[in-house]
Structures are given as structure tokens and as C-alpha cells.
Amino acid sequence: MSTQKQVLELGRRWAEAEQNADVAALEELVTDDFTLVGPAGFVLHKPEWLDRYRTGSLTTHTLIWDEVEIRDYGTTAVAVGRHTQKAEYQGHPADGRFRITHIAVLRDGRWLLAGLHMSPIAGP
């Protein structure tokens, strides 16, 4: 299977796990040193990122990852796409459209997310 197909599958599984608050699946999809840069510039490392789902503080109702372009650098791939979500954080709406960069790395024959970086998509 091509890198592009594998990275798209990784992204599909990530979006599904976020929507299902599947902490076990999310934990297996990311590297130990995974880092998220959120849309307001905050930084979450793997434990804090997963805790949002463990505690129920983040609920993702829908998450669509589309308009994806992937660049393959051998054991690293960079995917830039659009992330559209309906979500709640601590009971407050967290809906939005974001440009998102996925950094994927090939480890022991499988692709894992090493990082996500989100930026809000401004309106017209």
C-alpha cells in the first residue's frame, strides 16, 4: 500500500477514534512524544491530549478530515488538510473549521502521528 493510502487510513482511524472518545485507539495511533498545537496556540503533549477524552472534558460529535494533500519524505509524511468539527469542551461549544497539519512517522513498519497543528480557517 502506498504511503499516501496508509497516511489517509491513519487519519481516518484518528478521526473515528476522536469521535468515539476511544482513548485506547488514540494512544496506539500516536508516538510517545506526540504533540498537539491547538487552534489558539496551546500545546498538549500525549498525556494531556488523551486526558481530555479520559475525563470527558472534550466531546467530539463529528469530525471531518478532507481536502488532504500528502507529501512523502520516506519515513516521514506531512499531510495538510481541513478539519471540520462539532464538539464541546467542558460543556461549551468547540465547533470550528481548521487547517490541520498531520506529521506522520514510520515506526516498526506502521505509520503513527507524531504531531498535529491546527489553525482556524477565517471566514470570507
C-alpha atoms as a PDB file:
ATOM      1  CA  MET A   1       0.000   0.000   0.000  1.00  0.00           C
ATOM      2  CA  SER A   2       1.332   3.465  -0.877  1.00  0.00           C
ATOM      3  CA  THR A   3       2.386   5.971   1.761  1.00  0.00           C
ATOM      4  CA  GLN A   4      -0.496   8.214   0.719  1.00  0.00           C
ATOM      5  CA  LYS A   5      -3.070   5.470   1.294  1.00  0.00           C
ATOM      6  CA  GLN A   6      -1.515   4.484   4.616  1.00  0.00           C
ATOM      7  CA  VAL A   7      -1.432   8.065   5.906  1.00  0.00           C
ATOM      8  CA  LEU A   8      -5.023   8.647   4.761  1.00  0.00           C
ATOM      9  CA  GLU A   9      -6.035   5.458   6.613  1.00  0.00           C
ATOM     10  CA  LEU A  10      -4.180   6.658   9.723  1.00  0.00           C
ATOM     11  CA  GLY A  11      -6.106   9.949   9.507  1.00  0.00           C
ATOM     12  CA  ARG A  12      -9.409   8.137   9.042  1.00  0.00           C
ATOM     13  CA  ARG A  13      -8.734   5.989  12.105  1.00  0.00           C
ATOM     14  CA  TRP A  14      -7.681   9.072  14.121  1.00  0.00           C
ATOM     15  CA  ALA A  15     -10.898  10.950  13.220  1.00  0.00           C
ATOM     16  CA  GLU A  16     -13.008   7.918  14.121  1.00  0.00           C
ATOM     17  CA  ALA A  17     -11.211   7.434  17.453  1.00  0.00           C
ATOM     18  CA  GLU A  18     -11.653  11.134  18.344  1.00  0.00           C
ATOM     19  CA  GLN A  19     -15.392  10.937  17.595  1.00  0.00           C
ATOM     20  CA  ASN A  20     -15.715   7.799  19.724  1.00  0.00           C
ATOM     21  CA  ALA A  21     -13.502   9.123  22.557  1.00  0.00           C
ATOM     22  CA  ASP A  22     -11.560   5.874  22.094  1.00  0.00           C
ATOM     23  CA  VAL A  23      -8.528   6.579  24.254  1.00  0.00           C
ATOM     24  CA  ALA A  24      -7.012   3.128  23.653  1.00  0.00           C
ATOM     25  CA  ALA A  25      -7.162   3.589  19.873  1.00  0.00           C
ATOM     26  CA  LEU A  26      -5.819   7.150  20.066  1.00  0.00           C
ATOM     27  CA  GLU A  27      -2.938   6.003  22.255  1.00  0.00           C
ATOM     28  CA  GLU A  28      -1.967   3.380  19.681  1.00  0.00           C
ATOM     29  CA  LEU A  29      -2.154   5.836  16.759  1.00  0.00           C
ATOM     30  CA  VAL A  30       0.407   8.306  18.135  1.00  0.00           C
ATOM     31  CA  THR A  31       4.062   8.327  19.122  1.00  0.00           C
ATOM     32  CA  ASP A  32       5.104   8.540  22.768  1.00  0.00           C
ATOM     33  CA  ASP A  33       6.297  12.108  22.174  1.00  0.00           C
ATOM     34  CA  PHE A  34       3.149  13.192  20.299  1.00  0.00           C
ATOM     35  CA  THR A  35       2.370  16.931  20.486  1.00  0.00           C
ATOM     36  CA  LEU A  36      -0.775  18.848  19.504  1.00  0.00           C
ATOM     37  CA  VAL A  37      -0.654  22.576  18.801  1.00  0.00           C
ATOM     38  CA  GLY A  38      -4.249  23.702  19.139  1.00  0.00           C
ATOM     39  CA  PRO A  39      -6.104  26.397  17.207  1.00  0.00           C
ATOM     40  CA  ALA A  40      -5.460  29.042  19.871  1.00  0.00           C
ATOM     41  CA  GLY A  41      -1.742  28.203  20.088  1.00  0.00           C
ATOM     42  CA  PHE A  42      -1.890  25.986  23.190  1.00  0.00           C
ATOM     43  CA  VAL A  43       0.352  22.916  23.312  1.00  0.00           C
ATOM     44  CA  LEU A  44      -0.730  19.493  24.570  1.00  0.00           C
ATOM     45  CA  HIS A  45       1.583  16.521  24.899  1.00  0.00           C
ATOM     46  CA  LYS A  46       0.255  13.000  24.635  1.00  0.00           C
ATOM     47  CA  PRO A  47      -0.873  12.604  28.294  1.00  0.00           C
ATOM     48  CA  GLU A  48      -2.782  15.918  28.359  1.00  0.00           C
ATOM     49  CA  TRP A  49      -4.242  15.308  24.901  1.00  0.00           C
ATOM     50  CA  LEU A  50      -5.582  11.893  25.935  1.00  0.00           C
ATOM     51  CA  ASP A  51      -6.820  13.156  29.327  1.00  0.00           C
ATOM     52  CA  ARG A  52      -9.373  15.408  27.579  1.00  0.00           C
ATOM     53  CA  TYR A  53     -11.141  12.210  26.497  1.00  0.00           C
ATOM     54  CA  ARG A  54     -10.448  10.207  29.671  1.00  0.00           C
ATOM     55  CA  THR A  55     -12.097  12.905  31.793  1.00  0.00           C
ATOM     56  CA  GLY A  56     -14.892  13.629  29.332  1.00  0.00           C
ATOM     57  CA  SER A  57     -13.939  17.308  29.125  1.00  0.00           C
ATOM     58  CA  LEU A  58     -13.840  17.067  25.307  1.00  0.00           C
ATOM     59  CA  THR A  59     -16.659  15.520  23.309  1.00  0.00           C
ATOM     60  CA  THR A  60     -16.294  15.365  19.545  1.00  0.00           C
ATOM     61  CA  HIS A  61     -19.668  14.811  17.890  1.00  0.00           C
ATOM     62  CA  THR A  62     -18.434  14.961  14.295  1.00  0.00           C
ATOM     63  CA  LEU A  63     -15.008  15.328  12.749  1.00  0.00           C
ATOM     64  CA  ILE A  64     -14.419  15.509   9.019  1.00  0.00           C
ATOM     65  CA  TRP A  65     -10.865  15.454   7.678  1.00  0.00           C
ATOM     66  CA  ASP A  66     -10.809  16.321   3.986  1.00  0.00           C
ATOM     67  CA  GLU A  67      -9.010  18.364   1.310  1.00  0.00           C
ATOM     68  CA  VAL A  68      -5.883  16.403   2.264  1.00  0.00           C
ATOM     69  CA  GLU A  69      -2.571  16.752   0.430  1.00  0.00           C
ATOM     70  CA  ILE A  70       0.265  14.455   1.487  1.00  0.00           C
ATOM     71  CA  ARG A  71       3.996  14.885   0.981  1.00  0.00           C
ATOM     72  CA  ASP A  72       6.104  11.741   1.415  1.00  0.00           C
ATOM     73  CA  TYR A  73       9.651  12.053   2.783  1.00  0.00           C
ATOM     74  CA  GLY A  74      10.393   8.346   3.205  1.00  0.00           C
ATOM     75  CA  THR A  75       9.912   7.615   6.909  1.00  0.00           C
ATOM     76  CA  THR A  76       8.069  10.908   7.485  1.00  0.00           C
ATOM     77  CA  ALA A  77       4.961  12.253   5.802  1.00  0.00           C
ATOM     78  CA  VAL A  78       3.272  15.629   6.123  1.00  0.00           C
ATOM     79  CA  ALA A  79      -0.460  15.827   5.446  1.00  0.00           C
ATOM     80  CA  VAL A  80      -2.204  19.189   5.239  1.00  0.00           C
ATOM     81  CA  GLY A  81      -5.989  19.135   5.188  1.00  0.00           C
ATOM     82  CA  ARG A  82      -9.181  20.657   6.502  1.00  0.00           C
ATOM     83  CA  HIS A  83     -10.636  19.613   9.859  1.00  0.00           C
ATOM     84  CA  THR A  84     -14.302  20.438  10.462  1.00  0.00           C
ATOM     85  CA  GLN A  85     -15.728  19.561  13.853  1.00  0.00           C
ATOM     86  CA  LYS A  86     -18.769  19.823  16.039  1.00  0.00           C
ATOM     87  CA  ALA A  87     -17.539  19.428  19.585  1.00  0.00           C
ATOM     88  CA  GLU A  88     -17.845  20.581  23.190  1.00  0.00           C
ATOM     89  CA  TYR A  89     -15.079  21.384  25.623  1.00  0.00           C
ATOM     90  CA  GLN A  90     -16.138  21.450  29.275  1.00  0.00           C
ATOM     91  CA  GLY A  91     -19.741  21.901  28.156  1.00  0.00           C
ATOM     92  CA  HIS A  92     -19.001  24.843  25.830  1.00  0.00           C
ATOM     93  CA  PRO A  93     -19.273  24.684  22.032  1.00  0.00           C
ATOM     94  CA  ALA A  94     -15.935  23.983  20.339  1.00  0.00           C
ATOM     95  CA  ASP A  95     -17.177  23.832  16.760  1.00  0.00           C
ATOM     96  CA  GLY A  96     -14.936  25.012  14.000  1.00  0.00           C
ATOM     97  CA  ARG A  97     -13.147  24.699  10.709  1.00  0.00           C
ATOM     98  CA  PHE A  98      -9.393  24.418  10.849  1.00  0.00           C
ATOM     99  CA  ARG A  99      -6.453  23.903   8.555  1.00  0.00           C
ATOM    100  CA  ILE A 100      -4.609  20.983  10.110  1.00  0.00           C
ATOM    101  CA  THR A 101      -1.144  19.578   9.562  1.00  0.00           C
ATOM    102  CA  HIS A 102      -0.525  15.941  10.461  1.00  0.00           C
ATOM    103  CA  ILE A 103       3.066  14.810  10.922  1.00  0.00           C
ATOM    104  CA  ALA A 104       3.279  11.053  10.492  1.00  0.00           C
ATOM    105  CA  VAL A 105       6.338   8.877  11.039  1.00  0.00           C
ATOM    106  CA  LEU A 106       7.020   5.301  10.055  1.00  0.00           C
ATOM    107  CA  ARG A 107       7.947   3.229  13.117  1.00  0.00           C
ATOM    108  CA  ASP A 108       8.383  -0.555  13.051  1.00  0.00           C
ATOM    109  CA  GLY A 109       6.503  -0.825   9.772  1.00  0.00           C
ATOM    110  CA  ARG A 110       3.466   1.282  10.707  1.00  0.00           C
ATOM    111  CA  TRP A 111       2.562   4.936  10.445  1.00  0.00           C
ATOM    112  CA  LEU A 112       1.955   6.911  13.648  1.00  0.00           C
ATOM    113  CA  LEU A 113       1.026  10.528  14.299  1.00  0.00           C
ATOM    114  CA  ALA A 114       3.909  12.474  15.844  1.00  0.00           C
ATOM    115  CA  GLY A 115       2.121  15.804  15.813  1.00  0.00           C
ATOM    116  CA  LEU A 116      -0.925  17.814  14.832  1.00  0.00           C
ATOM    117  CA  HIS A 117      -1.013  21.578  14.282  1.00  0.00           C
ATOM    118  CA  MET A 118      -4.347  23.376  13.892  1.00  0.00           C
ATOM    119  CA  SER A 119      -5.114  26.892  12.638  1.00  0.00           C
ATOM    120  CA  PRO A 120      -8.609  28.393  12.383  1.00  0.00           C
ATOM    121  CA  ILE A 121      -9.915  28.980   8.875  1.00  0.00           C
ATOM    122  CA  ALA A 122     -11.081  32.570   8.737  1.00  0.00           C
ATOM    123  CA  GLY A 123     -14.423  33.432   7.200  1.00  0.00           C
ATOM    124  CA  PRO A 124     -14.759  35.365   3.930  1.00  0.00           C
END
